[in-house]
Amino acid sequence: MKELIINADDFGYTHGVNEGIIRAHRDGILTSATLMANGAAFNDAVERAKANPKLGVGCHLVLTGGNSVAPREQIPSLADREGRLPLSLAALVTRLSLGSVRSEDIDREFSAQLEKIRQAGIELTHVDTHKHTHVHPRVMAAIGRVAGKFGITRVRNPIEKLRDSWRTARSENTGVALNMAASGAVSSVGSWFQSTARRYGLRSPEHFLGLAITGSVSAAALCRLIDTVSDGHTEIMTHPGLCDAELMNTDTRLNQQRETELNGLLSPEARRLAEARGVRLISYRELN
């Protein structure tokens, strides 16, 4: 059986991103979203999630960009004096690799983010991470230590097979080289990721798609992704949203691309293809 989770990252980032995610769920084929506890539009996302209970909601754990949720004094090796997390993925990885970020500070920040969402009344289906930081061993270990305390047993498997990356990205005109390089780097830690997940009792879909085509999941691209779905469980990562003034004032590299992905998720062609291929749409809630 082919079962497919279509997840939207960055729920809570801006009001326009939230609106795009809900449209993609109500009127399209989006089944899941991951919520940023430190997002500027967090409260709006919580309200929308509660109004749309069929949407599976996980936590998009954040270690780079924006402010920490835990008080700065509790995580001094992670947040700066203003409570800001490392500005970029490169800065975070460098500090992790040098050992200048303490593991207990990562645990505290993850716990604070999960607790904030729990206190808001959201029952989380799973976790993933902003910028896929959980491909780093220390970050994945922190997820393992913290997730069980919150009853979370599911985590994104961020490993996209290079063959699938090439099949889905080769027809795109922008960002292919960079995204393919990122996909290749992530795939190199595949066996380690699986062993760490097993150690902590965390389950994942067997297949993951969308990294190599980040920001370019148009209707045609989404149909190519659906055509790639094989037996078992697959997750497709997307970033739908509305490109408004609020979004343009952020530092995201995905702006107009979010509307491209929203239109892809709303396309009737994608829904018809999923039905024709015998693909059952589920959320992480149904992952067993």
Protein backbone atom coordinates (compact mmCIF):
# COMPACT_ATOMS: atom_id res chain seq x y z
CA MET A 1 0.00 0.00 0.00
CA LYS A 2 1.17 3.54 -0.81
CA GLU A 3 0.53 6.02 2.01
CA LEU A 4 1.59 9.64 1.64
CA ILE A 5 2.05 12.46 4.14
CA ILE A 6 2.26 15.93 2.55
CA ASN A 7 3.70 18.27 5.17
CA ALA A 8 4.00 22.06 5.18
CA ASP A 9 6.95 23.45 7.10
CA ASP A 10 7.01 26.87 8.83
CA PHE A 11 3.46 26.96 10.27
CA GLY A 12 3.44 30.05 12.48
CA TYR A 13 6.15 31.90 10.56
CA THR A 14 3.84 34.66 9.26
CA HIS A 15 0.09 35.16 8.94
CA GLY A 16 0.34 34.72 5.17
CA VAL A 17 2.19 31.44 5.55
CA ASN A 18 -0.52 30.27 7.95
CA GLU A 19 -3.26 31.24 5.51
CA GLY A 20 -1.55 29.41 2.67
CA ILE A 21 -1.14 26.26 4.75
CA ILE A 22 -4.81 26.20 5.74
CA ARG A 23 -5.95 26.81 2.15
CA ALA A 24 -3.70 23.98 0.97
CA HIS A 25 -5.27 21.70 3.58
CA ARG A 26 -8.93 22.66 3.16
CA ASP A 27 -8.95 23.01 -0.61
CA GLY A 28 -5.96 20.91 -1.65
CA ILE A 29 -4.06 17.79 -0.66
CA LEU A 30 -1.97 19.01 2.29
CA THR A 31 -2.38 16.66 5.27
CA SER A 32 0.16 17.87 7.83
CA ALA A 33 2.06 20.94 9.04
CA THR A 34 4.86 21.61 11.50
CA LEU A 35 4.48 24.53 13.90
CA MET A 36 7.28 26.92 14.88
CA ALA A 37 7.01 27.73 18.59
CA ASN A 38 9.09 30.88 18.09
CA GLY A 39 7.19 32.02 15.00
CA ALA A 40 5.85 35.58 14.85
CA ALA A 41 2.39 34.24 13.93
CA PHE A 42 2.36 31.37 16.45
CA ASN A 43 -0.92 32.31 18.14
CA ASP A 44 -2.68 32.70 14.79
CA ALA A 45 -1.42 29.26 13.72
CA VAL A 46 -2.73 27.68 16.94
CA GLU A 47 -6.19 29.15 16.35
CA ARG A 48 -6.23 27.94 12.75
CA ALA A 49 -5.04 24.46 13.75
CA LYS A 50 -7.84 24.14 16.30
CA ALA A 51 -10.37 25.22 13.67
CA ASN A 52 -9.07 22.51 11.30
CA PRO A 53 -8.73 19.37 13.45
CA LYS A 54 -8.12 17.04 10.50
CA LEU A 55 -4.78 18.76 9.86
CA GLY A 56 -2.00 16.84 11.60
CA VAL A 57 0.25 19.27 13.48
CA GLY A 58 3.81 18.55 14.52
CA CYS A 59 6.57 20.75 15.90
CA HIS A 60 9.11 22.42 13.63
CA LEU A 61 11.93 22.56 16.16
CA VAL A 62 14.11 25.63 15.65
CA LEU A 63 17.79 26.10 16.54
CA THR A 64 18.63 28.77 13.96
CA GLY A 65 16.86 32.05 13.27
CA GLY A 66 14.62 34.09 15.55
CA ASN A 67 14.48 34.20 19.32
CA SER A 68 14.70 31.31 21.73
CA VAL A 69 11.63 30.15 23.64
CA ALA A 70 13.61 29.21 26.75
CA PRO A 71 14.90 32.18 28.78
CA ARG A 72 18.32 33.26 27.56
CA GLU A 73 19.92 32.73 30.97
CA GLN A 74 18.91 29.06 30.88
CA ILE A 75 20.62 28.41 27.52
CA PRO A 76 23.66 30.75 27.52
CA SER A 77 25.71 28.66 25.10
CA LEU A 78 22.91 28.68 22.51
CA ALA A 79 21.25 32.13 22.63
CA ASP A 80 23.04 35.48 22.63
CA ARG A 81 22.49 38.33 25.10
CA GLU A 82 19.29 39.38 23.32
CA GLY A 83 17.96 35.83 23.34
CA ARG A 84 18.58 35.27 19.65
CA LEU A 85 19.42 31.85 18.24
CA PRO A 86 22.34 31.45 15.78
CA LEU A 87 21.56 33.42 12.65
CA SER A 88 22.45 30.76 10.10
CA LEU A 89 22.75 27.02 9.70
CA ALA A 90 26.48 27.37 9.06
CA ALA A 91 26.96 29.29 12.31
CA LEU A 92 25.05 26.66 14.27
CA VAL A 93 26.90 23.70 12.75
CA THR A 94 30.25 25.35 13.38
CA ARG A 95 29.42 25.93 17.03
CA LEU A 96 28.07 22.41 17.44
CA SER A 97 31.15 20.90 15.86
CA LEU A 98 33.47 22.96 18.05
CA GLY A 99 31.56 21.91 21.15
CA SER A 100 30.70 25.47 22.14
CA VAL A 101 26.97 24.66 22.44
CA ARG A 102 26.11 22.53 25.46
CA SER A 103 23.82 19.55 24.94
CA GLU A 104 21.74 20.49 27.97
CA ASP A 105 21.02 23.88 26.40
CA ILE A 106 19.68 22.21 23.25
CA ASP A 107 17.52 19.95 25.43
CA ARG A 108 16.14 22.93 27.36
CA GLU A 109 15.31 24.88 24.21
CA PHE A 110 13.59 21.91 22.57
CA SER A 111 11.66 21.22 25.78
CA ALA A 112 10.57 24.86 25.97
CA GLN A 113 9.31 24.82 22.38
CA LEU A 114 7.39 21.58 22.85
CA GLU A 115 5.95 22.76 26.15
CA LYS A 116 4.77 26.04 24.63
CA ILE A 117 2.84 24.15 21.97
CA ARG A 118 1.42 21.70 24.51
CA GLN A 119 0.28 24.54 26.74
CA ALA A 120 -1.47 26.06 23.72
CA GLY A 121 -3.62 22.92 23.50
CA ILE A 122 -2.10 21.29 20.42
CA GLU A 123 -1.59 17.50 20.46
CA LEU A 124 1.57 17.00 18.45
CA THR A 125 1.81 14.23 15.86
CA HIS A 126 5.59 14.35 15.29
CA VAL A 127 8.66 16.56 15.13
CA ASP A 128 11.02 17.78 12.43
CA THR A 129 13.55 20.62 12.41
CA HIS A 130 14.04 23.96 10.70
CA LYS A 131 16.87 23.68 8.15
CA HIS A 132 17.02 19.91 8.85
CA THR A 133 19.34 20.46 11.80
CA HIS A 134 18.52 17.01 13.16
CA VAL A 135 20.85 15.44 10.62
CA HIS A 136 23.57 16.59 13.03
CA PRO A 137 24.23 13.81 15.59
CA ARG A 138 24.02 16.09 18.62
CA VAL A 139 20.70 17.57 17.53
CA MET A 140 19.15 14.19 16.76
CA ALA A 141 20.32 12.88 20.13
CA ALA A 142 18.65 15.85 21.82
CA ILE A 143 15.40 15.05 20.03
CA GLY A 144 15.69 11.47 21.23
CA ARG A 145 16.17 12.56 24.83
CA VAL A 146 13.36 15.12 24.80
CA ALA A 147 10.66 13.62 22.56
CA GLY A 148 9.81 10.73 24.85
CA LYS A 149 9.09 13.11 27.72
CA PHE A 150 6.33 14.63 25.62
CA GLY A 151 4.95 11.34 24.33
CA ILE A 152 6.26 11.95 20.81
CA THR A 153 7.27 8.82 18.91
CA ARG A 154 7.51 10.05 15.31
CA VAL A 155 10.20 12.12 13.59
CA ARG A 156 10.85 13.15 10.02
CA ASN A 157 13.30 10.99 8.13
CA PRO A 158 15.14 13.74 6.17
CA ILE A 159 17.06 11.34 3.92
CA GLU A 160 16.11 11.76 0.26
CA LYS A 161 17.60 9.21 -2.13
CA LEU A 162 19.80 10.90 -4.71
CA ARG A 163 18.05 9.03 -7.52
CA ASP A 164 14.71 10.49 -6.40
CA SER A 165 16.29 13.93 -5.96
CA TRP A 166 17.50 13.91 -9.56
CA ARG A 167 14.26 12.54 -10.98
CA THR A 168 12.20 15.27 -9.33
CA ALA A 169 14.59 18.24 -9.64
CA ARG A 170 16.13 17.87 -13.08
CA SER A 171 13.32 19.74 -14.86
CA GLU A 172 13.58 22.81 -12.63
CA ASN A 173 15.50 25.89 -13.73
CA THR A 174 16.41 27.41 -10.36
CA GLY A 175 18.26 26.20 -7.31
CA VAL A 176 18.83 22.65 -8.55
CA ALA A 177 22.59 22.54 -7.94
CA LEU A 178 22.31 23.93 -4.41
CA ASN A 179 19.38 21.71 -3.47
CA MET A 180 21.01 18.62 -4.96
CA ALA A 181 24.15 19.34 -2.96
CA ALA A 182 22.07 19.66 0.22
CA SER A 183 20.26 16.42 -0.58
CA GLY A 184 23.57 14.65 -1.12
CA ALA A 185 25.00 15.93 2.14
CA VAL A 186 21.95 14.82 4.10
CA SER A 187 21.86 11.38 2.45
CA SER A 188 25.40 10.69 3.64
CA VAL A 189 24.17 10.31 7.23
CA GLY A 190 21.32 7.92 6.40
CA SER A 191 22.52 4.83 8.24
CA TRP A 192 23.51 6.83 11.30
CA PHE A 193 20.11 8.55 11.41
CA GLN A 194 18.25 5.25 11.26
CA SER A 195 20.29 3.72 14.08
CA THR A 196 19.79 6.78 16.30
CA ALA A 197 16.04 6.77 15.67
CA ARG A 198 15.82 3.09 16.61
CA ARG A 199 17.82 3.69 19.79
CA TYR A 200 15.26 6.20 21.00
CA GLY A 201 12.18 4.39 19.70
CA LEU A 202 11.36 7.03 17.09
CA ARG A 203 9.47 6.03 13.94
CA SER A 204 9.57 7.68 10.52
CA PRO A 205 8.16 7.23 7.03
CA GLU A 206 10.48 5.04 5.01
CA HIS A 207 10.74 7.54 2.17
CA PHE A 208 11.23 11.33 2.02
CA LEU A 209 10.83 13.66 -0.97
CA GLY A 210 11.04 17.38 -1.59
CA LEU A 211 14.47 18.50 -0.40
CA ALA A 212 16.02 18.74 -3.86
CA ILE A 213 13.02 20.67 -5.14
CA THR A 214 12.54 23.03 -2.18
CA GLY A 215 10.69 26.15 -3.27
CA SER A 216 9.74 24.68 -6.65
CA VAL A 217 6.88 22.31 -5.90
CA SER A 218 4.61 23.51 -8.69
CA ALA A 219 1.64 21.48 -9.88
CA ALA A 220 3.83 19.69 -12.45
CA ALA A 221 6.58 19.08 -9.90
CA LEU A 222 4.14 17.76 -7.32
CA CYS A 223 2.80 15.31 -9.88
CA ARG A 224 6.37 14.10 -10.50
CA LEU A 225 6.82 13.64 -6.76
CA ILE A 226 3.58 11.67 -6.47
CA ASP A 227 4.71 9.50 -9.39
CA THR A 228 7.83 8.69 -7.36
CA VAL A 229 5.85 7.41 -4.35
CA SER A 230 6.44 3.70 -3.76
CA ASP A 231 4.93 1.15 -1.40
CA GLY A 232 5.09 2.00 2.29
CA HIS A 233 5.03 5.45 3.89
CA THR A 234 6.38 8.57 2.17
CA GLU A 235 6.59 12.20 3.26
CA ILE A 236 6.68 15.08 0.78
CA MET A 237 7.96 18.34 2.26
CA THR A 238 6.41 21.60 1.04
CA HIS A 239 6.48 25.32 1.92
CA PRO A 240 3.16 26.90 0.88
CA GLY A 241 2.17 30.43 1.83
CA LEU A 242 1.10 33.86 0.65
CA CYS A 243 3.83 36.28 -0.40
CA ASP A 244 2.74 39.44 1.39
CA ALA A 245 4.53 42.41 2.95
CA GLU A 246 5.00 40.58 6.24
CA LEU A 247 6.81 37.72 4.52
CA MET A 248 8.95 40.05 2.42
CA ASN A 249 10.19 41.72 5.63
CA THR A 250 11.62 38.43 6.91
CA ASP A 251 14.96 36.85 6.00
CA THR A 252 13.50 33.76 4.33
CA ARG A 253 14.82 32.82 0.89
CA LEU A 254 11.38 31.47 0.01
CA ASN A 255 8.92 34.26 -0.78
CA GLN A 256 7.10 34.12 -4.14
CA GLN A 257 8.06 30.44 -4.27
CA ARG A 258 5.59 29.78 -1.44
CA GLU A 259 2.70 30.81 -3.69
CA THR A 260 4.03 28.50 -6.41
CA GLU A 261 3.92 25.63 -3.92
CA LEU A 262 0.48 26.65 -2.67
CA ASN A 263 -0.85 26.53 -6.21
CA GLY A 264 0.73 23.11 -6.67
CA LEU A 265 -1.02 21.75 -3.59
CA LEU A 266 -4.33 23.19 -4.79
CA SER A 267 -4.03 21.69 -8.27
CA PRO A 268 -6.77 19.17 -9.14
CA GLU A 269 -4.21 17.31 -11.29
CA ALA A 270 -2.22 16.33 -8.20
CA ARG A 271 -5.29 14.98 -6.42
CA ARG A 272 -6.43 13.04 -9.48
CA LEU A 273 -2.97 11.53 -9.93
CA ALA A 274 -2.80 10.42 -6.29
CA GLU A 275 -6.16 8.71 -6.68
CA ALA A 276 -5.14 7.12 -9.99
CA ARG A 277 -1.91 5.76 -8.49
CA GLY A 278 -3.71 4.32 -5.46
CA VAL A 279 -1.95 6.70 -3.05
CA ARG A 280 -3.71 7.12 0.31
CA LEU A 281 -3.23 10.57 1.85
CA ILE A 282 -2.56 10.46 5.61
CA SER A 283 -0.94 12.57 8.33
CA TYR A 284 1.66 11.51 10.89
CA ARG A 285 -1.30 10.77 13.15
CA GLU A 286 -2.04 7.67 11.04
CA LEU A 287 1.59 6.52 10.80
CA ASN A 288 1.78 3.20 12.65
